[in-house]
Amino acid sequence: MINLANAQAHKIVSLPNDFSGFAVDGFKDEFEGLVDTDTDFIILDFSKTEFIDSSGIGAVVFLYKRIEKKSHKLSLLNVTGQPFKLMNLLRVDKTIPFIDSI
């Protein structure tokens, strides 16, 4: 479990029910903004997300790589159902921490 008390700043971004295609395009600017801020710890909240495809996973992994270069952290909150199964199959959970609560 990651302790947020030790982080200088954190940001939670709630993802939509369907994080694929056009939805991913809609988050492009927000993800870019996350990379350019001084936020130490970013949490992508999957509580509402019931579907993700390769473009959604690609966006999350690309965000992770860019954030890690700045020595910041990314975690995925409440990943369940189809998104969990697909990310587990692709071993995303081995690289980006999944958390159940903040």
PDB file of N, CA and C in Angstrom:
ATOM      1  N   MET A   1       0.848  -1.186   0.000  1.00  0.00           N
ATOM      2  CA  MET A   1       0.000   0.000   0.000  1.00  0.00           C
ATOM      3  C   MET A   1       0.885   1.238   0.000  1.00  0.00           C
ATOM      4  N   ILE A   2       0.517   2.200  -0.770  1.00  0.00           N
ATOM      5  CA  ILE A   2       1.281   3.437  -0.878  1.00  0.00           C
ATOM      6  C   ILE A   2       0.745   4.429   0.133  1.00  0.00           C
ATOM      7  N   ASN A   3       1.633   5.067   0.852  1.00  0.00           N
ATOM      8  CA  ASN A   3       1.245   6.029   1.868  1.00  0.00           C
ATOM      9  C   ASN A   3       1.222   7.429   1.272  1.00  0.00           C
ATOM     10  N   LEU A   4       0.030   7.999   1.144  1.00  0.00           N
ATOM     11  CA  LEU A   4      -0.096   9.328   0.553  1.00  0.00           C
ATOM     12  C   LEU A   4       0.435  10.416   1.478  1.00  0.00           C
ATOM     13  N   ALA A   5       0.559  10.137   2.754  1.00  0.00           N
ATOM     14  CA  ALA A   5       1.063  11.145   3.680  1.00  0.00           C
ATOM     15  C   ALA A   5       2.489  11.542   3.326  1.00  0.00           C
ATOM     16  N   ASN A   6       3.228  10.633   2.700  1.00  0.00           N
ATOM     17  CA  ASN A   6       4.608  10.921   2.334  1.00  0.00           C
ATOM     18  C   ASN A   6       4.721  11.656   1.000  1.00  0.00           C
ATOM     19  N   ALA A   7       3.651  11.700   0.250  1.00  0.00           N
ATOM     20  CA  ALA A   7       3.688  12.385  -1.042  1.00  0.00           C
ATOM     21  C   ALA A   7       3.491  13.881  -0.834  1.00  0.00           C
ATOM     22  N   GLN A   8       4.229  14.669  -1.599  1.00  0.00           N
ATOM     23  CA  GLN A   8       4.091  16.113  -1.482  1.00  0.00           C
ATOM     24  C   GLN A   8       2.750  16.561  -2.047  1.00  0.00           C
ATOM     25  N   ALA A   9       2.307  15.919  -3.090  1.00  0.00           N
ATOM     26  CA  ALA A   9       1.022  16.264  -3.702  1.00  0.00           C
ATOM     27  C   ALA A   9       0.506  15.057  -4.459  1.00  0.00           C
ATOM     28  N   HIS A  10      -0.823  14.934  -4.524  1.00  0.00           N
ATOM     29  CA  HIS A  10      -1.395  13.850  -5.310  1.00  0.00           C
ATOM     30  C   HIS A  10      -2.610  14.348  -6.072  1.00  0.00           C
ATOM     31  N   LYS A  11      -2.920  13.649  -7.131  1.00  0.00           N
ATOM     32  CA  LYS A  11      -4.049  14.005  -7.986  1.00  0.00           C
ATOM     33  C   LYS A  11      -4.773  12.729  -8.345  1.00  0.00           C
ATOM     34  N   ILE A  12      -6.098  12.770  -8.236  1.00  0.00           N
ATOM     35  CA  ILE A  12      -6.934  11.626  -8.599  1.00  0.00           C
ATOM     36  C   ILE A  12      -7.708  11.983  -9.864  1.00  0.00           C
ATOM     37  N   VAL A  13      -7.626  11.115 -10.857  1.00  0.00           N
ATOM     38  CA  VAL A  13      -8.338  11.313 -12.122  1.00  0.00           C
ATOM     39  C   VAL A  13      -9.305  10.149 -12.294  1.00  0.00           C
ATOM     40  N   SER A  14     -10.607  10.465 -12.346  1.00  0.00           N
ATOM     41  CA  SER A  14     -11.629   9.436 -12.546  1.00  0.00           C
ATOM     42  C   SER A  14     -11.787   9.169 -14.038  1.00  0.00           C
ATOM     43  N   LEU A  15     -11.724   7.909 -14.385  1.00  0.00           N
ATOM     44  CA  LEU A  15     -11.881   7.507 -15.785  1.00  0.00           C
ATOM     45  C   LEU A  15     -13.344   7.137 -16.053  1.00  0.00           C
ATOM     46  N   PRO A  16     -13.783   7.251 -17.314  1.00  0.00           N
ATOM     47  CA  PRO A  16     -15.185   6.977 -17.645  1.00  0.00           C
ATOM     48  C   PRO A  16     -15.510   5.485 -17.672  1.00  0.00           C
ATOM     49  N   ASN A  17     -16.794   5.194 -17.829  1.00  0.00           N
ATOM     50  CA  ASN A  17     -17.292   3.823 -17.902  1.00  0.00           C
ATOM     51  C   ASN A  17     -16.604   3.039 -19.008  1.00  0.00           C
ATOM     52  N   ASP A  18     -16.429   3.669 -20.161  1.00  0.00           N
ATOM     53  CA  ASP A  18     -15.791   3.048 -21.322  1.00  0.00           C
ATOM     54  C   ASP A  18     -14.533   3.852 -21.659  1.00  0.00           C
ATOM     55  N   PHE A  19     -13.373   3.292 -21.342  1.00  0.00           N
ATOM     56  CA  PHE A  19     -12.113   3.996 -21.604  1.00  0.00           C
ATOM     57  C   PHE A  19     -11.463   3.394 -22.844  1.00  0.00           C
ATOM     58  N   SER A  20     -12.035   3.764 -24.003  1.00  0.00           N
ATOM     59  CA  SER A  20     -11.521   3.290 -25.287  1.00  0.00           C
ATOM     60  C   SER A  20     -11.755   4.382 -26.323  1.00  0.00           C
ATOM     61  N   GLY A  21     -11.126   4.235 -27.479  1.00  0.00           N
ATOM     62  CA  GLY A  21     -11.368   5.100 -28.626  1.00  0.00           C
ATOM     63  C   GLY A  21     -11.461   6.586 -28.345  1.00  0.00           C
ATOM     64  N   PHE A  22     -12.668   7.154 -28.552  1.00  0.00           N
ATOM     65  CA  PHE A  22     -12.874   8.590 -28.395  1.00  0.00           C
ATOM     66  C   PHE A  22     -12.654   9.042 -26.955  1.00  0.00           C
ATOM     67  N   ALA A  23     -13.004   8.208 -25.988  1.00  0.00           N
ATOM     68  CA  ALA A  23     -12.806   8.576 -24.584  1.00  0.00           C
ATOM     69  C   ALA A  23     -11.323   8.788 -24.295  1.00  0.00           C
ATOM     70  N   VAL A  24     -10.485   7.917 -24.836  1.00  0.00           N
ATOM     71  CA  VAL A  24      -9.038   8.054 -24.653  1.00  0.00           C
ATOM     72  C   VAL A  24      -8.560   9.370 -25.274  1.00  0.00           C
ATOM     73  N   ASP A  25      -9.038   9.675 -26.467  1.00  0.00           N
ATOM     74  CA  ASP A  25      -8.678  10.939 -27.121  1.00  0.00           C
ATOM     75  C   ASP A  25      -9.067  12.132 -26.257  1.00  0.00           C
ATOM     76  N   GLY A  26     -10.209  12.030 -25.568  1.00  0.00           N
ATOM     77  CA  GLY A  26     -10.677  13.105 -24.703  1.00  0.00           C
ATOM     78  C   GLY A  26      -9.804  13.329 -23.488  1.00  0.00           C
ATOM     79  N   PHE A  27      -9.033  12.326 -23.102  1.00  0.00           N
ATOM     80  CA  PHE A  27      -8.155  12.440 -21.937  1.00  0.00           C
ATOM     81  C   PHE A  27      -6.727  12.830 -22.315  1.00  0.00           C
ATOM     82  N   LYS A  28      -6.461  12.940 -23.600  1.00  0.00           N
ATOM     83  CA  LYS A  28      -5.099  13.228 -24.060  1.00  0.00           C
ATOM     84  C   LYS A  28      -4.535  14.495 -23.427  1.00  0.00           C
ATOM     85  N   ASP A  29      -5.300  15.582 -23.460  1.00  0.00           N
ATOM     86  CA  ASP A  29      -4.831  16.845 -22.887  1.00  0.00           C
ATOM     87  C   ASP A  29      -4.676  16.758 -21.370  1.00  0.00           C
ATOM     88  N   GLU A  30      -5.620  16.079 -20.711  1.00  0.00           N
ATOM     89  CA  GLU A  30      -5.533  15.943 -19.248  1.00  0.00           C
ATOM     90  C   GLU A  30      -4.296  15.125 -18.859  1.00  0.00           C
ATOM     91  N   PHE A  31      -4.037  14.034 -19.561  1.00  0.00           N
ATOM     92  CA  PHE A  31      -2.857  13.225 -19.278  1.00  0.00           C
ATOM     93  C   PHE A  31      -1.583  14.033 -19.523  1.00  0.00           C
ATOM     94  N   GLU A  32      -1.578  14.828 -20.586  1.00  0.00           N
ATOM     95  CA  GLU A  32      -0.420  15.680 -20.881  1.00  0.00           C
ATOM     96  C   GLU A  32      -0.203  16.677 -19.748  1.00  0.00           C
ATOM     97  N   GLY A  33      -1.301  17.219 -19.230  1.00  0.00           N
ATOM     98  CA  GLY A  33      -1.213  18.153 -18.110  1.00  0.00           C
ATOM     99  C   GLY A  33      -0.663  17.498 -16.857  1.00  0.00           C
ATOM    100  N   LEU A  34      -1.003  16.230 -16.636  1.00  0.00           N
ATOM    101  CA  LEU A  34      -0.495  15.512 -15.473  1.00  0.00           C
ATOM    102  C   LEU A  34       1.017  15.357 -15.538  1.00  0.00           C
ATOM    103  N   VAL A  35       1.524  15.122 -16.723  1.00  0.00           N
ATOM    104  CA  VAL A  35       2.967  14.954 -16.911  1.00  0.00           C
ATOM    105  C   VAL A  35       3.693  16.275 -16.645  1.00  0.00           C
ATOM    106  N   ASP A  36       3.064  17.373 -17.025  1.00  0.00           N
ATOM    107  CA  ASP A  36       3.711  18.680 -16.916  1.00  0.00           C
ATOM    108  C   ASP A  36       3.536  19.356 -15.564  1.00  0.00           C
ATOM    109  N   THR A  37       2.807  18.750 -14.626  1.00  0.00           N
ATOM    110  CA  THR A  37       2.641  19.356 -13.306  1.00  0.00           C
ATOM    111  C   THR A  37       3.713  18.853 -12.350  1.00  0.00           C
ATOM    112  N   ASP A  38       3.727  19.422 -11.177  1.00  0.00           N
ATOM    113  CA  ASP A  38       4.664  18.989 -10.135  1.00  0.00           C
ATOM    114  C   ASP A  38       4.040  17.963  -9.199  1.00  0.00           C
ATOM    115  N   THR A  39       2.951  17.351  -9.623  1.00  0.00           N
ATOM    116  CA  THR A  39       2.276  16.348  -8.806  1.00  0.00           C
ATOM    117  C   THR A  39       3.170  15.122  -8.652  1.00  0.00           C
ATOM    118  N   ASP A  40       3.416  14.728  -7.410  1.00  0.00           N
ATOM    119  CA  ASP A  40       4.299  13.595  -7.120  1.00  0.00           C
ATOM    120  C   ASP A  40       3.628  12.241  -7.313  1.00  0.00           C
ATOM    121  N   PHE A  41       2.315  12.198  -7.084  1.00  0.00           N
ATOM    122  CA  PHE A  41       1.617  10.915  -7.058  1.00  0.00           C
ATOM    123  C   PHE A  41       0.283  11.058  -7.775  1.00  0.00           C
ATOM    124  N   ILE A  42       0.095  10.298  -8.840  1.00  0.00           N
ATOM    125  CA  ILE A  42      -1.128  10.353  -9.626  1.00  0.00           C
ATOM    126  C   ILE A  42      -1.870   9.036  -9.497  1.00  0.00           C
ATOM    127  N   ILE A  43      -3.179   9.139  -9.288  1.00  0.00           N
ATOM    128  CA  ILE A  43      -4.028   7.962  -9.159  1.00  0.00           C
ATOM    129  C   ILE A  43      -5.081   8.022 -10.258  1.00  0.00           C
ATOM    130  N   LEU A  44      -5.149   6.972 -11.065  1.00  0.00           N
ATOM    131  CA  LEU A  44      -6.224   6.845 -12.041  1.00  0.00           C
ATOM    132  C   LEU A  44      -7.302   5.980 -11.403  1.00  0.00           C
ATOM    133  N   ASP A  45      -8.485   6.558 -11.227  1.00  0.00           N
ATOM    134  CA  ASP A  45      -9.590   5.879 -10.554  1.00  0.00           C
ATOM    135  C   ASP A  45     -10.444   5.128 -11.575  1.00  0.00           C
ATOM    136  N   PHE A  46     -10.423   3.809 -11.474  1.00  0.00           N
ATOM    137  CA  PHE A  46     -11.172   2.933 -12.379  1.00  0.00           C
ATOM    138  C   PHE A  46     -12.497   2.478 -11.767  1.00  0.00           C
ATOM    139  N   SER A  47     -12.964   3.144 -10.707  1.00  0.00           N
ATOM    140  CA  SER A  47     -14.185   2.723 -10.017  1.00  0.00           C
ATOM    141  C   SER A  47     -15.385   2.605 -10.948  1.00  0.00           C
ATOM    142  N   LYS A  48     -15.514   3.498 -11.926  1.00  0.00           N
ATOM    143  CA  LYS A  48     -16.657   3.501 -12.845  1.00  0.00           C
ATOM    144  C   LYS A  48     -16.357   2.757 -14.146  1.00  0.00           C
ATOM    145  N   THR A  49     -15.109   2.395 -14.375  1.00  0.00           N
ATOM    146  CA  THR A  49     -14.697   1.849 -15.669  1.00  0.00           C
ATOM    147  C   THR A  49     -15.048   0.367 -15.780  1.00  0.00           C
ATOM    148  N   GLU A  50     -15.884   0.061 -16.775  1.00  0.00           N
ATOM    149  CA  GLU A  50     -16.299  -1.319 -17.011  1.00  0.00           C
ATOM    150  C   GLU A  50     -15.656  -1.913 -18.255  1.00  0.00           C
ATOM    151  N   PHE A  51     -15.080  -1.036 -19.119  1.00  0.00           N
ATOM    152  CA  PHE A  51     -14.464  -1.527 -20.347  1.00  0.00           C
ATOM    153  C   PHE A  51     -13.241  -0.691 -20.692  1.00  0.00           C
ATOM    154  N   ILE A  52     -12.190  -1.383 -21.106  1.00  0.00           N
ATOM    155  CA  ILE A  52     -10.987  -0.736 -21.615  1.00  0.00           C
ATOM    156  C   ILE A  52     -10.497  -1.553 -22.802  1.00  0.00           C
ATOM    157  N   ASP A  53      -9.902  -0.875 -23.779  1.00  0.00           N
ATOM    158  CA  ASP A  53      -9.332  -1.594 -24.918  1.00  0.00           C
ATOM    159  C   ASP A  53      -7.849  -1.267 -25.014  1.00  0.00           C
ATOM    160  N   SER A  54      -7.238  -1.685 -26.120  1.00  0.00           N
ATOM    161  CA  SER A  54      -5.788  -1.493 -26.265  1.00  0.00           C
ATOM    162  C   SER A  54      -5.400  -0.016 -26.293  1.00  0.00           C
ATOM    163  N   SER A  55      -6.276   0.843 -26.820  1.00  0.00           N
ATOM    164  CA  SER A  55      -5.933   2.272 -26.830  1.00  0.00           C
ATOM    165  C   SER A  55      -5.953   2.838 -25.412  1.00  0.00           C
ATOM    166  N   GLY A  56      -6.872   2.383 -24.587  1.00  0.00           N
ATOM    167  CA  GLY A  56      -6.924   2.816 -23.192  1.00  0.00           C
ATOM    168  C   GLY A  56      -5.715   2.336 -22.412  1.00  0.00           C
ATOM    169  N   ILE A  57      -5.359   1.081 -22.604  1.00  0.00           N
ATOM    170  CA  ILE A  57      -4.183   0.537 -21.915  1.00  0.00           C
ATOM    171  C   ILE A  57      -2.922   1.236 -22.412  1.00  0.00           C
ATOM    172  N   GLY A  58      -2.847   1.486 -23.714  1.00  0.00           N
ATOM    173  CA  GLY A  58      -1.700   2.196 -24.270  1.00  0.00           C
ATOM    174  C   GLY A  58      -1.552   3.579 -23.663  1.00  0.00           C
ATOM    175  N   ALA A  59      -2.670   4.291 -23.487  1.00  0.00           N
ATOM    176  CA  ALA A  59      -2.624   5.630 -22.892  1.00  0.00           C
ATOM    177  C   ALA A  59      -2.139   5.577 -21.450  1.00  0.00           C
ATOM    178  N   VAL A  60      -2.599   4.590 -20.696  1.00  0.00           N
ATOM    179  CA  VAL A  60      -2.183   4.443 -19.293  1.00  0.00           C
ATOM    180  C   VAL A  60      -0.690   4.115 -19.213  1.00  0.00           C
ATOM    181  N   VAL A  61      -0.231   3.189 -20.033  1.00  0.00           N
ATOM    182  CA  VAL A  61       1.181   2.802 -20.026  1.00  0.00           C
ATOM    183  C   VAL A  61       2.070   3.961 -20.479  1.00  0.00           C
ATOM    184  N   PHE A  62       1.631   4.697 -21.504  1.00  0.00           N
ATOM    185  CA  PHE A  62       2.394   5.853 -21.973  1.00  0.00           C
ATOM    186  C   PHE A  62       2.483   6.923 -20.883  1.00  0.00           C
ATOM    187  N   LEU A  63       1.364   7.161 -20.189  1.00  0.00           N
ATOM    188  CA  LEU A  63       1.369   8.109 -19.067  1.00  0.00           C
ATOM    189  C   LEU A  63       2.338   7.637 -17.993  1.00  0.00           C
ATOM    190  N   TYR A  64       2.281   6.352 -17.660  1.00  0.00           N
ATOM    191  CA  TYR A  64       3.180   5.783 -16.645  1.00  0.00           C
ATOM    192  C   TYR A  64       4.645   6.019 -17.006  1.00  0.00           C
ATOM    193  N   LYS A  65       5.014   5.730 -18.237  1.00  0.00           N
ATOM    194  CA  LYS A  65       6.412   5.889 -18.660  1.00  0.00           C
ATOM    195  C   LYS A  65       6.869   7.337 -18.537  1.00  0.00           C
ATOM    196  N   ARG A  66       6.013   8.259 -18.939  1.00  0.00           N
ATOM    197  CA  ARG A  66       6.374   9.680 -18.886  1.00  0.00           C
ATOM    198  C   ARG A  66       6.450  10.185 -17.442  1.00  0.00           C
ATOM    199  N   ILE A  67       5.562   9.705 -16.583  1.00  0.00           N
ATOM    200  CA  ILE A  67       5.570  10.117 -15.179  1.00  0.00           C
ATOM    201  C   ILE A  67       6.792   9.554 -14.463  1.00  0.00           C
ATOM    202  N   GLU A  68       7.120   8.309 -14.745  1.00  0.00           N
ATOM    203  CA  GLU A  68       8.279   7.677 -14.105  1.00  0.00           C
ATOM    204  C   GLU A  68       9.589   8.393 -14.458  1.00  0.00           C
ATOM    205  N   LYS A  69       9.683   8.925 -15.675  1.00  0.00           N
ATOM    206  CA  LYS A  69      10.877   9.672 -16.070  1.00  0.00           C
ATOM    207  C   LYS A  69      11.090  10.900 -15.190  1.00  0.00           C
ATOM    208  N   LYS A  70       9.998  11.422 -14.642  1.00  0.00           N
ATOM    209  CA  LYS A  70      10.083  12.594 -13.768  1.00  0.00           C
ATOM    210  C   LYS A  70      10.186  12.186 -12.303  1.00  0.00           C
ATOM    211  N   SER A  71      10.392  10.891 -12.052  1.00  0.00           N
ATOM    212  CA  SER A  71      10.482  10.322 -10.701  1.00  0.00           C
ATOM    213  C   SER A  71       9.200  10.508  -9.896  1.00  0.00           C
ATOM    214  N   HIS A  72       8.070  10.517 -10.583  1.00  0.00           N
ATOM    215  CA  HIS A  72       6.777  10.569  -9.926  1.00  0.00           C
ATOM    216  C   HIS A  72       6.155   9.180  -9.978  1.00  0.00           C
ATOM    217  N   LYS A  73       5.046   8.990  -9.287  1.00  0.00           N
ATOM    218  CA  LYS A  73       4.414   7.678  -9.181  1.00  0.00           C
ATOM    219  C   LYS A  73       2.998   7.704  -9.743  1.00  0.00           C
ATOM    220  N   LEU A  74       2.589   6.561 -10.292  1.00  0.00           N
ATOM    221  CA  LEU A  74       1.238   6.361 -10.801  1.00  0.00           C
ATOM    222  C   LEU A  74       0.703   5.063 -10.223  1.00  0.00           C
ATOM    223  N   SER A  75      -0.542   5.092  -9.753  1.00  0.00           N
ATOM    224  CA  SER A  75      -1.228   3.887  -9.307  1.00  0.00           C
ATOM    225  C   SER A  75      -2.622   3.862  -9.901  1.00  0.00           C
ATOM    226  N   LEU A  76      -3.183   2.665 -10.006  1.00  0.00           N
ATOM    227  CA  LEU A  76      -4.515   2.467 -10.559  1.00  0.00           C
ATOM    228  C   LEU A  76      -5.437   2.008  -9.432  1.00  0.00           C
ATOM    229  N   LEU A  77      -6.504   2.760  -9.214  1.00  0.00           N
ATOM    230  CA  LEU A  77      -7.422   2.520  -8.098  1.00  0.00           C
ATOM    231  C   LEU A  77      -8.657   1.762  -8.563  1.00  0.00           C
ATOM    232  N   ASN A  78      -9.039   0.740  -7.795  1.00  0.00           N
ATOM    233  CA  ASN A  78     -10.280  -0.015  -8.008  1.00  0.00           C
ATOM    234  C   ASN A  78     -10.424  -0.585  -9.414  1.00  0.00           C
ATOM    235  N   VAL A  79      -9.405  -1.258  -9.887  1.00  0.00           N
ATOM    236  CA  VAL A  79      -9.478  -1.917 -11.198  1.00  0.00           C
ATOM    237  C   VAL A  79     -10.167  -3.270 -11.001  1.00  0.00           C
ATOM    238  N   THR A  80     -11.324  -3.446 -11.652  1.00  0.00           N
ATOM    239  CA  THR A  80     -12.089  -4.687 -11.505  1.00  0.00           C
ATOM    240  C   THR A  80     -12.642  -5.107 -12.873  1.00  0.00           C
ATOM    241  N   GLY A  81     -13.309  -6.232 -12.908  1.00  0.00           N
ATOM    242  CA  GLY A  81     -14.016  -6.691 -14.108  1.00  0.00           C
ATOM    243  C   GLY A  81     -13.124  -6.845 -15.324  1.00  0.00           C
ATOM    244  N   GLN A  82     -13.648  -6.462 -16.487  1.00  0.00           N
ATOM    245  CA  GLN A  82     -12.935  -6.605 -17.754  1.00  0.00           C
ATOM    246  C   GLN A  82     -11.609  -5.846 -17.761  1.00  0.00           C
ATOM    247  N   PRO A  83     -11.556  -4.593 -17.242  1.00  0.00           N
ATOM    248  CA  PRO A  83     -10.258  -3.906 -17.223  1.00  0.00           C
ATOM    249  C   PRO A  83      -9.205  -4.680 -16.414  1.00  0.00           C
ATOM    250  N   PHE A  84      -9.609  -5.255 -15.275  1.00  0.00           N
ATOM    251  CA  PHE A  84      -8.667  -6.029 -14.465  1.00  0.00           C
ATOM    252  C   PHE A  84      -8.189  -7.263 -15.225  1.00  0.00           C
ATOM    253  N   LYS A  85      -9.116  -7.977 -15.828  1.00  0.00           N
ATOM    254  CA  LYS A  85      -8.755  -9.203 -16.553  1.00  0.00           C
ATOM    255  C   LYS A  85      -7.780  -8.913 -17.694  1.00  0.00           C
ATOM    256  N   LEU A  86      -8.070  -7.865 -18.477  1.00  0.00           N
ATOM    257  CA  LEU A  86      -7.214  -7.543 -19.613  1.00  0.00           C
ATOM    258  C   LEU A  86      -5.845  -7.046 -19.150  1.00  0.00           C
ATOM    259  N   MET A  87      -5.825  -6.168 -18.150  1.00  0.00           N
ATOM    260  CA  MET A  87      -4.531  -5.650 -17.673  1.00  0.00           C
ATOM    261  C   MET A  87      -3.716  -6.733 -16.985  1.00  0.00           C
ATOM    262  N   ASN A  88      -4.396  -7.651 -16.332  1.00  0.00           N
ATOM    263  CA  ASN A  88      -3.703  -8.775 -15.711  1.00  0.00           C
ATOM    264  C   ASN A  88      -3.113  -9.682 -16.785  1.00  0.00           C
ATOM    265  N   LEU A  89      -3.888  -9.953 -17.836  1.00  0.00           N
ATOM    266  CA  LEU A  89      -3.422 -10.777 -18.952  1.00  0.00           C
ATOM    267  C   LEU A  89      -2.196 -10.149 -19.614  1.00  0.00           C
ATOM    268  N   LEU A  90      -2.210  -8.826 -19.760  1.00  0.00           N
ATOM    269  CA  LEU A  90      -1.098  -8.108 -20.382  1.00  0.00           C
ATOM    270  C   LEU A  90       0.014  -7.749 -19.384  1.00  0.00           C
ATOM    271  N   ARG A  91      -0.171  -8.158 -18.145  1.00  0.00           N
ATOM    272  CA  ARG A  91       0.818  -7.993 -17.069  1.00  0.00           C
ATOM    273  C   ARG A  91       1.078  -6.527 -16.707  1.00  0.00           C
ATOM    274  N   VAL A  92       0.096  -5.679 -16.954  1.00  0.00           N
ATOM    275  CA  VAL A  92       0.208  -4.275 -16.565  1.00  0.00           C
ATOM    276  C   VAL A  92       0.366  -4.166 -15.045  1.00  0.00           C
ATOM    277  N   ASP A  93      -0.322  -5.077 -14.331  1.00  0.00           N
ATOM    278  CA  ASP A  93      -0.272  -5.065 -12.865  1.00  0.00           C
ATOM    279  C   ASP A  93       1.118  -5.381 -12.314  1.00  0.00           C
ATOM    280  N   LYS A  94       1.999  -5.905 -13.133  1.00  0.00           N
ATOM    281  CA  LYS A  94       3.374  -6.188 -12.698  1.00  0.00           C
ATOM    282  C   LYS A  94       4.244  -4.932 -12.741  1.00  0.00           C
ATOM    283  N   THR A  95       3.785  -3.912 -13.470  1.00  0.00           N
ATOM    284  CA  THR A  95       4.541  -2.677 -13.637  1.00  0.00           C
ATOM    285  C   THR A  95       3.912  -1.505 -12.899  1.00  0.00           C
ATOM    286  N   ILE A  96       2.604  -1.339 -13.063  1.00  0.00           N
ATOM    287  CA  ILE A  96       1.887  -0.221 -12.441  1.00  0.00           C
ATOM    288  C   ILE A  96       1.107  -0.769 -11.253  1.00  0.00           C
ATOM    289  N   PRO A  97       1.315  -0.223 -10.055  1.00  0.00           N
ATOM    290  CA  PRO A  97       0.618  -0.742  -8.876  1.00  0.00           C
ATOM    291  C   PRO A  97      -0.902  -0.544  -8.956  1.00  0.00           C
ATOM    292  N   PHE A  98      -1.634  -1.603  -8.584  1.00  0.00           N
ATOM    293  CA  PHE A  98      -3.078  -1.544  -8.428  1.00  0.00           C
ATOM    294  C   PHE A  98      -3.342  -1.342  -6.943  1.00  0.00           C
ATOM    295  N   ILE A  99      -4.238  -0.422  -6.595  1.00  0.00           N
ATOM    296  CA  ILE A  99      -4.586  -0.212  -5.201  1.00  0.00           C
ATOM    297  C   ILE A  99      -6.100  -0.323  -5.038  1.00  0.00           C
ATOM    298  N   ASP A 100      -6.545  -0.724  -3.840  1.00  0.00           N
ATOM    299  CA  ASP A 100      -7.971  -0.894  -3.567  1.00  0.00           C
ATOM    300  C   ASP A 100      -8.574   0.304  -2.843  1.00  0.00           C
ATOM    301  N   SER A 101      -7.723   1.091  -2.207  1.00  0.00           N
ATOM    302  CA  SER A 101      -8.211   2.270  -1.481  1.00  0.00           C
ATOM    303  C   SER A 101      -7.093   3.278  -1.329  1.00  0.00           C
ATOM    304  N   ILE A 102      -7.480   4.485  -0.948  1.00  0.00           N
ATOM    305  CA  ILE A 102      -6.492   5.558  -0.772  1.00  0.00           C
ATOM    306  C   ILE A 102      -6.227   5.720   0.708  1.00  0.00           C
TER     307      ILE A 102
END
